[in-house]
Amino acid sequence: MNEPTLTTAVALWIQPRASRDAVVGEREGAIAIHLQAPPVDGAANAALVRFIASRLGVPPRDVHLVRGLNGRRKWVTVAGLQAAQVRERLLAG
């Protein structure tokens, strides 16, 4: 199986400890997402995977964080979806 690359991944900008989980638009070419979870012990990363999966209607196992485990700027891939489809669906809903 091929490794996902950043060209097939979607760039995200994450704001942890927000008042609610939500896609709030775009920031510097990345989809901006607010998460209630704190950036402690992987809680925000786990919340991000669950949020994206729920938003796209896919199982969490299909969402892969491919870069940015320790920063606000992250890249994800979603099994079965192209990056453009993920961007469109996240920004539309």
PDB file of N, CA and C in Angstrom:
ATOM      1  N   MET A   1       0.843  -1.180   0.000  1.00  0.00           N
ATOM      2  CA  MET A   1       0.000   0.000   0.000  1.00  0.00           C
ATOM      3  C   MET A   1       0.885   1.239   0.000  1.00  0.00           C
ATOM      4  N   ASN A   2       0.496   2.270  -0.739  1.00  0.00           N
ATOM      5  CA  ASN A   2       1.290   3.497  -0.837  1.00  0.00           C
ATOM      6  C   ASN A   2       1.133   4.357   0.401  1.00  0.00           C
ATOM      7  N   GLU A   3       2.237   4.974   0.809  1.00  0.00           N
ATOM      8  CA  GLU A   3       2.201   5.927   1.918  1.00  0.00           C
ATOM      9  C   GLU A   3       1.507   7.203   1.461  1.00  0.00           C
ATOM     10  N   PRO A   4       0.647   7.806   2.285  1.00  0.00           N
ATOM     11  CA  PRO A   4       0.048   9.081   1.904  1.00  0.00           C
ATOM     12  C   PRO A   4       1.116  10.167   1.877  1.00  0.00           C
ATOM     13  N   THR A   5       0.970  11.091   0.976  1.00  0.00           N
ATOM     14  CA  THR A   5       1.906  12.208   0.886  1.00  0.00           C
ATOM     15  C   THR A   5       1.172  13.495   1.185  1.00  0.00           C
ATOM     16  N   LEU A   6       1.915  14.569   1.383  1.00  0.00           N
ATOM     17  CA  LEU A   6       1.275  15.847   1.664  1.00  0.00           C
ATOM     18  C   LEU A   6       0.495  16.361   0.468  1.00  0.00           C
ATOM     19  N   THR A   7       0.804  15.875  -0.738  1.00  0.00           N
ATOM     20  CA  THR A   7       0.034  16.306  -1.899  1.00  0.00           C
ATOM     21  C   THR A   7      -1.360  15.697  -1.903  1.00  0.00           C
ATOM     22  N   THR A   8      -1.560  14.593  -1.200  1.00  0.00           N
ATOM     23  CA  THR A   8      -2.882  13.972  -1.113  1.00  0.00           C
ATOM     24  C   THR A   8      -3.537  14.270   0.235  1.00  0.00           C
ATOM     25  N   ALA A   9      -2.854  15.018   1.073  1.00  0.00           N
ATOM     26  CA  ALA A   9      -3.367  15.342   2.405  1.00  0.00           C
ATOM     27  C   ALA A   9      -4.012  16.726   2.413  1.00  0.00           C
ATOM     28  N   VAL A  10      -4.836  16.955   3.404  1.00  0.00           N
ATOM     29  CA  VAL A  10      -5.508  18.235   3.588  1.00  0.00           C
ATOM     30  C   VAL A  10      -4.841  18.962   4.750  1.00  0.00           C
ATOM     31  N   ALA A  11      -4.480  20.220   4.527  1.00  0.00           N
ATOM     32  CA  ALA A  11      -3.854  21.035   5.567  1.00  0.00           C
ATOM     33  C   ALA A  11      -4.929  21.586   6.498  1.00  0.00           C
ATOM     34  N   LEU A  12      -4.651  21.495   7.792  1.00  0.00           N
ATOM     35  CA  LEU A  12      -5.569  21.993   8.821  1.00  0.00           C
ATOM     36  C   LEU A  12      -4.824  22.924   9.763  1.00  0.00           C
ATOM     37  N   TRP A  13      -5.526  23.888  10.308  1.00  0.00           N
ATOM     38  CA  TRP A  13      -4.995  24.740  11.377  1.00  0.00           C
ATOM     39  C   TRP A  13      -5.940  24.563  12.556  1.00  0.00           C
ATOM     40  N   ILE A  14      -5.407  24.098  13.678  1.00  0.00           N
ATOM     41  CA  ILE A  14      -6.227  23.706  14.826  1.00  0.00           C
ATOM     42  C   ILE A  14      -6.094  24.706  15.971  1.00  0.00           C
ATOM     43  N   GLN A  15      -7.233  25.063  16.546  1.00  0.00           N
ATOM     44  CA  GLN A  15      -7.277  25.898  17.752  1.00  0.00           C
ATOM     45  C   GLN A  15      -7.857  25.047  18.874  1.00  0.00           C
ATOM     46  N   PRO A  16      -6.997  24.518  19.764  1.00  0.00           N
ATOM     47  CA  PRO A  16      -7.522  23.716  20.883  1.00  0.00           C
ATOM     48  C   PRO A  16      -8.136  24.603  21.961  1.00  0.00           C
ATOM     49  N   ARG A  17      -8.819  23.974  22.884  1.00  0.00           N
ATOM     50  CA  ARG A  17      -9.469  24.654  24.021  1.00  0.00           C
ATOM     51  C   ARG A  17     -10.453  25.730  23.583  1.00  0.00           C
ATOM     52  N   ALA A  18     -11.168  25.453  22.512  1.00  0.00           N
ATOM     53  CA  ALA A  18     -12.191  26.377  22.023  1.00  0.00           C
ATOM     54  C   ALA A  18     -13.506  26.104  22.754  1.00  0.00           C
ATOM     55  N   SER A  19     -14.466  26.984  22.563  1.00  0.00           N
ATOM     56  CA  SER A  19     -15.754  26.811  23.236  1.00  0.00           C
ATOM     57  C   SER A  19     -16.594  25.696  22.613  1.00  0.00           C
ATOM     58  N   ARG A  20     -16.312  25.350  21.345  1.00  0.00           N
ATOM     59  CA  ARG A  20     -17.046  24.276  20.681  1.00  0.00           C
ATOM     60  C   ARG A  20     -16.203  23.719  19.546  1.00  0.00           C
ATOM     61  N   ASP A  21     -16.538  22.519  19.104  1.00  0.00           N
ATOM     62  CA  ASP A  21     -15.889  21.912  17.942  1.00  0.00           C
ATOM     63  C   ASP A  21     -16.569  22.452  16.689  1.00  0.00           C
ATOM     64  N   ALA A  22     -15.779  23.017  15.777  1.00  0.00           N
ATOM     65  CA  ALA A  22     -16.374  23.583  14.563  1.00  0.00           C
ATOM     66  C   ALA A  22     -15.312  23.879  13.519  1.00  0.00           C
ATOM     67  N   VAL A  23     -15.713  23.792  12.253  1.00  0.00           N
ATOM     68  CA  VAL A  23     -14.902  24.308  11.154  1.00  0.00           C
ATOM     69  C   VAL A  23     -15.246  25.788  11.077  1.00  0.00           C
ATOM     70  N   VAL A  24     -14.238  26.640  11.125  1.00  0.00           N
ATOM     71  CA  VAL A  24     -14.497  28.081  11.173  1.00  0.00           C
ATOM     72  C   VAL A  24     -14.013  28.826   9.933  1.00  0.00           C
ATOM     73  N   GLY A  25     -13.628  28.108   8.884  1.00  0.00           N
ATOM     74  CA  GLY A  25     -13.204  28.758   7.652  1.00  0.00           C
ATOM     75  C   GLY A  25     -11.819  28.312   7.241  1.00  0.00           C
ATOM     76  N   GLU A  26     -11.052  29.264   6.721  1.00  0.00           N
ATOM     77  CA  GLU A  26      -9.696  28.971   6.284  1.00  0.00           C
ATOM     78  C   GLU A  26      -8.724  29.958   6.897  1.00  0.00           C
ATOM     79  N   ARG A  27      -7.493  29.501   7.051  1.00  0.00           N
ATOM     80  CA  ARG A  27      -6.436  30.338   7.601  1.00  0.00           C
ATOM     81  C   ARG A  27      -5.132  29.935   6.916  1.00  0.00           C
ATOM     82  N   GLU A  28      -4.548  30.860   6.206  1.00  0.00           N
ATOM     83  CA  GLU A  28      -3.274  30.640   5.519  1.00  0.00           C
ATOM     84  C   GLU A  28      -3.302  29.380   4.654  1.00  0.00           C
ATOM     85  N   GLY A  29      -4.388  29.177   3.912  1.00  0.00           N
ATOM     86  CA  GLY A  29      -4.502  28.043   3.010  1.00  0.00           C
ATOM     87  C   GLY A  29      -4.913  26.733   3.657  1.00  0.00           C
ATOM     88  N   ALA A  30      -5.117  26.744   4.958  1.00  0.00           N
ATOM     89  CA  ALA A  30      -5.514  25.530   5.682  1.00  0.00           C
ATOM     90  C   ALA A  30      -6.945  25.706   6.194  1.00  0.00           C
ATOM     91  N   ILE A  31      -7.626  24.598   6.372  1.00  0.00           N
ATOM     92  CA  ILE A  31      -8.963  24.637   6.964  1.00  0.00           C
ATOM     93  C   ILE A  31      -8.798  24.859   8.460  1.00  0.00           C
ATOM     94  N   ALA A  32      -9.445  25.893   8.980  1.00  0.00           N
ATOM     95  CA  ALA A  32      -9.347  26.215  10.404  1.00  0.00           C
ATOM     96  C   ALA A  32     -10.441  25.484  11.174  1.00  0.00           C
ATOM     97  N   ILE A  33     -10.012  24.770  12.206  1.00  0.00           N
ATOM     98  CA  ILE A  33     -10.933  23.989  13.028  1.00  0.00           C
ATOM     99  C   ILE A  33     -10.705  24.328  14.493  1.00  0.00           C
ATOM    100  N   HIS A  34     -11.787  24.621  15.196  1.00  0.00           N
ATOM    101  CA  HIS A  34     -11.740  24.817  16.644  1.00  0.00           C
ATOM    102  C   HIS A  34     -12.148  23.521  17.320  1.00  0.00           C
ATOM    103  N   LEU A  35     -11.395  23.134  18.342  1.00  0.00           N
ATOM    104  CA  LEU A  35     -11.693  21.925  19.116  1.00  0.00           C
ATOM    105  C   LEU A  35     -11.758  22.261  20.595  1.00  0.00           C
ATOM    106  N   GLN A  36     -12.675  21.662  21.302  1.00  0.00           N
ATOM    107  CA  GLN A  36     -12.781  21.867  22.741  1.00  0.00           C
ATOM    108  C   GLN A  36     -11.637  21.195  23.494  1.00  0.00           C
ATOM    109  N   ALA A  37     -11.109  20.132  22.964  1.00  0.00           N
ATOM    110  CA  ALA A  37     -10.083  19.340  23.660  1.00  0.00           C
ATOM    111  C   ALA A  37      -8.794  20.141  23.860  1.00  0.00           C
ATOM    112  N   PRO A  38      -8.121  19.908  24.985  1.00  0.00           N
ATOM    113  CA  PRO A  38      -6.830  20.561  25.219  1.00  0.00           C
ATOM    114  C   PRO A  38      -5.712  19.819  24.473  1.00  0.00           C
ATOM    115  N   PRO A  39      -4.623  20.518  24.194  1.00  0.00           N
ATOM    116  CA  PRO A  39      -3.501  19.880  23.496  1.00  0.00           C
ATOM    117  C   PRO A  39      -2.596  19.131  24.469  1.00  0.00           C
ATOM    118  N   VAL A  40      -3.172  18.208  25.232  1.00  0.00           N
ATOM    119  CA  VAL A  40      -2.438  17.478  26.262  1.00  0.00           C
ATOM    120  C   VAL A  40      -2.594  15.980  26.024  1.00  0.00           C
ATOM    121  N   ASP A  41      -1.492  15.263  26.040  1.00  0.00           N
ATOM    122  CA  ASP A  41      -1.496  13.803  25.923  1.00  0.00           C
ATOM    123  C   ASP A  41      -2.273  13.296  24.702  1.00  0.00           C
ATOM    124  N   GLY A  42      -2.210  14.024  23.593  1.00  0.00           N
ATOM    125  CA  GLY A  42      -2.865  13.582  22.367  1.00  0.00           C
ATOM    126  C   GLY A  42      -4.369  13.772  22.333  1.00  0.00           C
ATOM    127  N   ALA A  43      -4.937  14.448  23.337  1.00  0.00           N
ATOM    128  CA  ALA A  43      -6.393  14.615  23.395  1.00  0.00           C
ATOM    129  C   ALA A  43      -6.925  15.403  22.203  1.00  0.00           C
ATOM    130  N   ALA A  44      -6.231  16.457  21.803  1.00  0.00           N
ATOM    131  CA  ALA A  44      -6.698  17.254  20.667  1.00  0.00           C
ATOM    132  C   ALA A  44      -6.588  16.467  19.365  1.00  0.00           C
ATOM    133  N   ASN A  45      -5.538  15.673  19.204  1.00  0.00           N
ATOM    134  CA  ASN A  45      -5.406  14.864  17.991  1.00  0.00           C
ATOM    135  C   ASN A  45      -6.516  13.830  17.907  1.00  0.00           C
ATOM    136  N   ALA A  46      -6.823  13.175  19.015  1.00  0.00           N
ATOM    137  CA  ALA A  46      -7.901  12.185  19.036  1.00  0.00           C
ATOM    138  C   ALA A  46      -9.247  12.859  18.752  1.00  0.00           C
ATOM    139  N   ALA A  47      -9.464  14.025  19.334  1.00  0.00           N
ATOM    140  CA  ALA A  47     -10.711  14.759  19.102  1.00  0.00           C
ATOM    141  C   ALA A  47     -10.813  15.193  17.644  1.00  0.00           C
ATOM    142  N   LEU A  48      -9.691  15.579  17.056  1.00  0.00           N
ATOM    143  CA  LEU A  48      -9.673  15.983  15.653  1.00  0.00           C
ATOM    144  C   LEU A  48     -10.084  14.823  14.753  1.00  0.00           C
ATOM    145  N   VAL A  49      -9.524  13.659  14.982  1.00  0.00           N
ATOM    146  CA  VAL A  49      -9.857  12.479  14.175  1.00  0.00           C
ATOM    147  C   VAL A  49     -11.347  12.159  14.307  1.00  0.00           C
ATOM    148  N   ARG A  50     -11.861  12.172  15.516  1.00  0.00           N
ATOM    149  CA  ARG A  50     -13.287  11.899  15.729  1.00  0.00           C
ATOM    150  C   ARG A  50     -14.166  12.953  15.051  1.00  0.00           C
ATOM    151  N   PHE A  51     -13.775  14.211  15.166  1.00  0.00           N
ATOM    152  CA  PHE A  51     -14.552  15.312  14.580  1.00  0.00           C
ATOM    153  C   PHE A  51     -14.607  15.194  13.061  1.00  0.00           C
ATOM    154  N   ILE A  52     -13.456  14.975  12.432  1.00  0.00           N
ATOM    155  CA  ILE A  52     -13.412  14.858  10.973  1.00  0.00           C
ATOM    156  C   ILE A  52     -14.217  13.640  10.519  1.00  0.00           C
ATOM    157  N   ALA A  53     -14.049  12.525  11.194  1.00  0.00           N
ATOM    158  CA  ALA A  53     -14.788  11.312  10.831  1.00  0.00           C
ATOM    159  C   ALA A  53     -16.293  11.557  10.925  1.00  0.00           C
ATOM    160  N   SER A  54     -16.727  12.164  12.001  1.00  0.00           N
ATOM    161  CA  SER A  54     -18.141  12.450  12.185  1.00  0.00           C
ATOM    162  C   SER A  54     -18.649  13.404  11.105  1.00  0.00           C
ATOM    163  N   ARG A  55     -17.890  14.427  10.836  1.00  0.00           N
ATOM    164  CA  ARG A  55     -18.278  15.443   9.847  1.00  0.00           C
ATOM    165  C   ARG A  55     -18.379  14.857   8.441  1.00  0.00           C
ATOM    166  N   LEU A  56     -17.508  13.892   8.131  1.00  0.00           N
ATOM    167  CA  LEU A  56     -17.482  13.302   6.788  1.00  0.00           C
ATOM    168  C   LEU A  56     -18.293  12.009   6.687  1.00  0.00           C
ATOM    169  N   GLY A  57     -18.777  11.503   7.811  1.00  0.00           N
ATOM    170  CA  GLY A  57     -19.562  10.279   7.796  1.00  0.00           C
ATOM    171  C   GLY A  57     -18.747   9.037   7.496  1.00  0.00           C
ATOM    172  N   VAL A  58     -17.513   9.019   7.992  1.00  0.00           N
ATOM    173  CA  VAL A  58     -16.637   7.856   7.806  1.00  0.00           C
ATOM    174  C   VAL A  58     -16.212   7.354   9.180  1.00  0.00           C
ATOM    175  N   PRO A  59     -15.752   6.110   9.274  1.00  0.00           N
ATOM    176  CA  PRO A  59     -15.261   5.631  10.567  1.00  0.00           C
ATOM    177  C   PRO A  59     -13.947   6.323  10.930  1.00  0.00           C
ATOM    178  N   PRO A  60     -13.698   6.547  12.206  1.00  0.00           N
ATOM    179  CA  PRO A  60     -12.445   7.189  12.624  1.00  0.00           C
ATOM    180  C   PRO A  60     -11.195   6.474  12.112  1.00  0.00           C
ATOM    181  N   ARG A  61     -11.267   5.164  11.911  1.00  0.00           N
ATOM    182  CA  ARG A  61     -10.093   4.429  11.421  1.00  0.00           C
ATOM    183  C   ARG A  61      -9.687   4.868  10.014  1.00  0.00           C
ATOM    184  N   ASP A  62     -10.589   5.541   9.277  1.00  0.00           N
ATOM    185  CA  ASP A  62     -10.281   6.000   7.918  1.00  0.00           C
ATOM    186  C   ASP A  62      -9.596   7.365   7.890  1.00  0.00           C
ATOM    187  N   VAL A  63      -9.520   8.034   9.032  1.00  0.00           N
ATOM    188  CA  VAL A  63      -8.880   9.353   9.112  1.00  0.00           C
ATOM    189  C   VAL A  63      -7.471   9.167   9.661  1.00  0.00           C
ATOM    190  N   HIS A  64      -6.486   9.663   8.914  1.00  0.00           N
ATOM    191  CA  HIS A  64      -5.088   9.479   9.296  1.00  0.00           C
ATOM    192  C   HIS A  64      -4.390  10.822   9.426  1.00  0.00           C
ATOM    193  N   LEU A  65      -3.833  11.072  10.585  1.00  0.00           N
ATOM    194  CA  LEU A  65      -3.031  12.264  10.826  1.00  0.00           C
ATOM    195  C   LEU A  65      -1.629  11.948  10.321  1.00  0.00           C
ATOM    196  N   VAL A  66      -1.219  12.571   9.212  1.00  0.00           N
ATOM    197  CA  VAL A  66       0.046  12.206   8.577  1.00  0.00           C
ATOM    198  C   VAL A  66       1.194  13.155   8.904  1.00  0.00           C
ATOM    199  N   ARG A  67       0.872  14.306   9.471  1.00  0.00           N
ATOM    200  CA  ARG A  67       1.929  15.238   9.860  1.00  0.00           C
ATOM    201  C   ARG A  67       1.365  16.256  10.846  1.00  0.00           C
ATOM    202  N   GLY A  68       2.199  16.688  11.782  1.00  0.00           N
ATOM    203  CA  GLY A  68       1.805  17.744  12.695  1.00  0.00           C
ATOM    204  C   GLY A  68       1.267  17.284  14.029  1.00  0.00           C
ATOM    205  N   LEU A  69       1.761  16.172  14.530  1.00  0.00           N
ATOM    206  CA  LEU A  69       1.260  15.649  15.804  1.00  0.00           C
ATOM    207  C   LEU A  69       1.376  16.640  16.954  1.00  0.00           C
ATOM    208  N   ASN A  70       2.408  17.474  16.942  1.00  0.00           N
ATOM    209  CA  ASN A  70       2.661  18.355  18.084  1.00  0.00           C
ATOM    210  C   ASN A  70       2.460  19.837  17.794  1.00  0.00           C
ATOM    211  N   GLY A  71       1.856  20.172  16.689  1.00  0.00           N
ATOM    212  CA  GLY A  71       1.664  21.586  16.364  1.00  0.00           C
ATOM    213  C   GLY A  71       0.228  21.880  15.997  1.00  0.00           C
ATOM    214  N   ARG A  72      -0.047  23.152  15.757  1.00  0.00           N
ATOM    215  CA  ARG A  72      -1.395  23.550  15.337  1.00  0.00           C
ATOM    216  C   ARG A  72      -1.646  23.252  13.869  1.00  0.00           C
ATOM    217  N   ARG A  73      -0.597  23.254  13.080  1.00  0.00           N
ATOM    218  CA  ARG A  73      -0.704  22.961  11.649  1.00  0.00           C
ATOM    219  C   ARG A  73      -0.585  21.448  11.467  1.00  0.00           C
ATOM    220  N   LYS A  74      -1.613  20.839  10.894  1.00  0.00           N
ATOM    221  CA  LYS A  74      -1.654  19.383  10.740  1.00  0.00           C
ATOM    222  C   LYS A  74      -2.080  19.036   9.319  1.00  0.00           C
ATOM    223  N   TRP A  75      -1.775  17.817   8.909  1.00  0.00           N
ATOM    224  CA  TRP A  75      -2.199  17.301   7.611  1.00  0.00           C
ATOM    225  C   TRP A  75      -2.865  15.961   7.839  1.00  0.00           C
ATOM    226  N   VAL A  76      -4.020  15.772   7.216  1.00  0.00           N
ATOM    227  CA  VAL A  76      -4.751  14.515   7.333  1.00  0.00           C
ATOM    228  C   VAL A  76      -5.098  13.980   5.962  1.00  0.00           C
ATOM    229  N   THR A  77      -5.258  12.655   5.913  1.00  0.00           N
ATOM    230  CA  THR A  77      -5.834  11.991   4.748  1.00  0.00           C
ATOM    231  C   THR A  77      -7.042  11.214   5.238  1.00  0.00           C
ATOM    232  N   VAL A  78      -7.954  10.963   4.313  1.00  0.00           N
ATOM    233  CA  VAL A  78      -9.139  10.170   4.629  1.00  0.00           C
ATOM    234  C   VAL A  78      -9.240   9.073   3.580  1.00  0.00           C
ATOM    235  N   ALA A  79      -9.225   7.841   4.035  1.00  0.00           N
ATOM    236  CA  ALA A  79      -9.282   6.694   3.122  1.00  0.00           C
ATOM    237  C   ALA A  79     -10.530   6.774   2.254  1.00  0.00           C
ATOM    238  N   GLY A  80     -10.342   6.577   0.957  1.00  0.00           N
ATOM    239  CA  GLY A  80     -11.467   6.574   0.033  1.00  0.00           C
ATOM    240  C   GLY A  80     -11.878   7.925  -0.492  1.00  0.00           C
ATOM    241  N   LEU A  81     -11.252   9.007   0.002  1.00  0.00           N
ATOM    242  CA  LEU A  81     -11.598  10.352  -0.457  1.00  0.00           C
ATOM    243  C   LEU A  81     -10.350  11.081  -0.933  1.00  0.00           C
ATOM    244  N   GLN A  82     -10.497  11.844  -2.002  1.00  0.00           N
ATOM    245  CA  GLN A  82      -9.419  12.702  -2.477  1.00  0.00           C
ATOM    246  C   GLN A  82      -9.360  13.946  -1.588  1.00  0.00           C
ATOM    247  N   ALA A  83      -8.205  14.594  -1.557  1.00  0.00           N
ATOM    248  CA  ALA A  83      -8.029  15.801  -0.739  1.00  0.00           C
ATOM    249  C   ALA A  83      -9.067  16.866  -1.081  1.00  0.00           C
ATOM    250  N   ALA A  84      -9.353  17.043  -2.366  1.00  0.00           N
ATOM    251  CA  ALA A  84     -10.332  18.056  -2.775  1.00  0.00           C
ATOM    252  C   ALA A  84     -11.723  17.742  -2.223  1.00  0.00           C
ATOM    253  N   GLN A  85     -12.080  16.463  -2.181  1.00  0.00           N
ATOM    254  CA  GLN A  85     -13.376  16.066  -1.631  1.00  0.00           C
ATOM    255  C   GLN A  85     -13.447  16.346  -0.133  1.00  0.00           C
ATOM    256  N   VAL A  86     -12.368  16.063   0.575  1.00  0.00           N
ATOM    257  CA  VAL A  86     -12.327  16.312   2.018  1.00  0.00           C
ATOM    258  C   VAL A  86     -12.471  17.800   2.283  1.00  0.00           C
ATOM    259  N   ARG A  87     -11.693  18.624   1.568  1.00  0.00           N
ATOM    260  CA  ARG A  87     -11.775  20.090   1.744  1.00  0.00           C
ATOM    261  C   ARG A  87     -13.198  20.592   1.494  1.00  0.00           C
ATOM    262  N   GLU A  88     -13.765  20.153   0.380  1.00  0.00           N
ATOM    263  CA  GLU A  88     -15.101  20.605  -0.005  1.00  0.00           C
ATOM    264  C   GLU A  88     -16.138  20.243   1.050  1.00  0.00           C
ATOM    265  N   ARG A  89     -16.085  19.009   1.523  1.00  0.00           N
ATOM    266  CA  ARG A  89     -17.074  18.544   2.511  1.00  0.00           C
ATOM    267  C   ARG A  89     -16.891  19.224   3.871  1.00  0.00           C
ATOM    268  N   LEU A  90     -15.644  19.425   4.287  1.00  0.00           N
ATOM    269  CA  LEU A  90     -15.427  20.092   5.571  1.00  0.00           C
ATOM    270  C   LEU A  90     -15.885  21.551   5.519  1.00  0.00           C
ATOM    271  N   LEU A  91     -15.586  22.225   4.443  1.00  0.00           N
ATOM    272  CA  LEU A  91     -15.931  23.645   4.339  1.00  0.00           C
ATOM    273  C   LEU A  91     -17.408  23.872   4.053  1.00  0.00           C
ATOM    274  N   ALA A  92     -18.095  22.873   3.480  1.00  0.00           N
ATOM    275  CA  ALA A  92     -19.506  23.023   3.126  1.00  0.00           C
ATOM    276  C   ALA A  92     -20.440  22.857   4.312  1.00  0.00           C
ATOM    277  N   GLY A  93     -20.035  22.046   5.264  1.00  0.00           N
ATOM    278  CA  GLY A  93     -20.971  21.680   6.319  1.00  0.00           C
ATOM    279  C   GLY A  93     -20.941  22.565   7.473  1.00  0.00           C
TER     280      GLY A  93
END
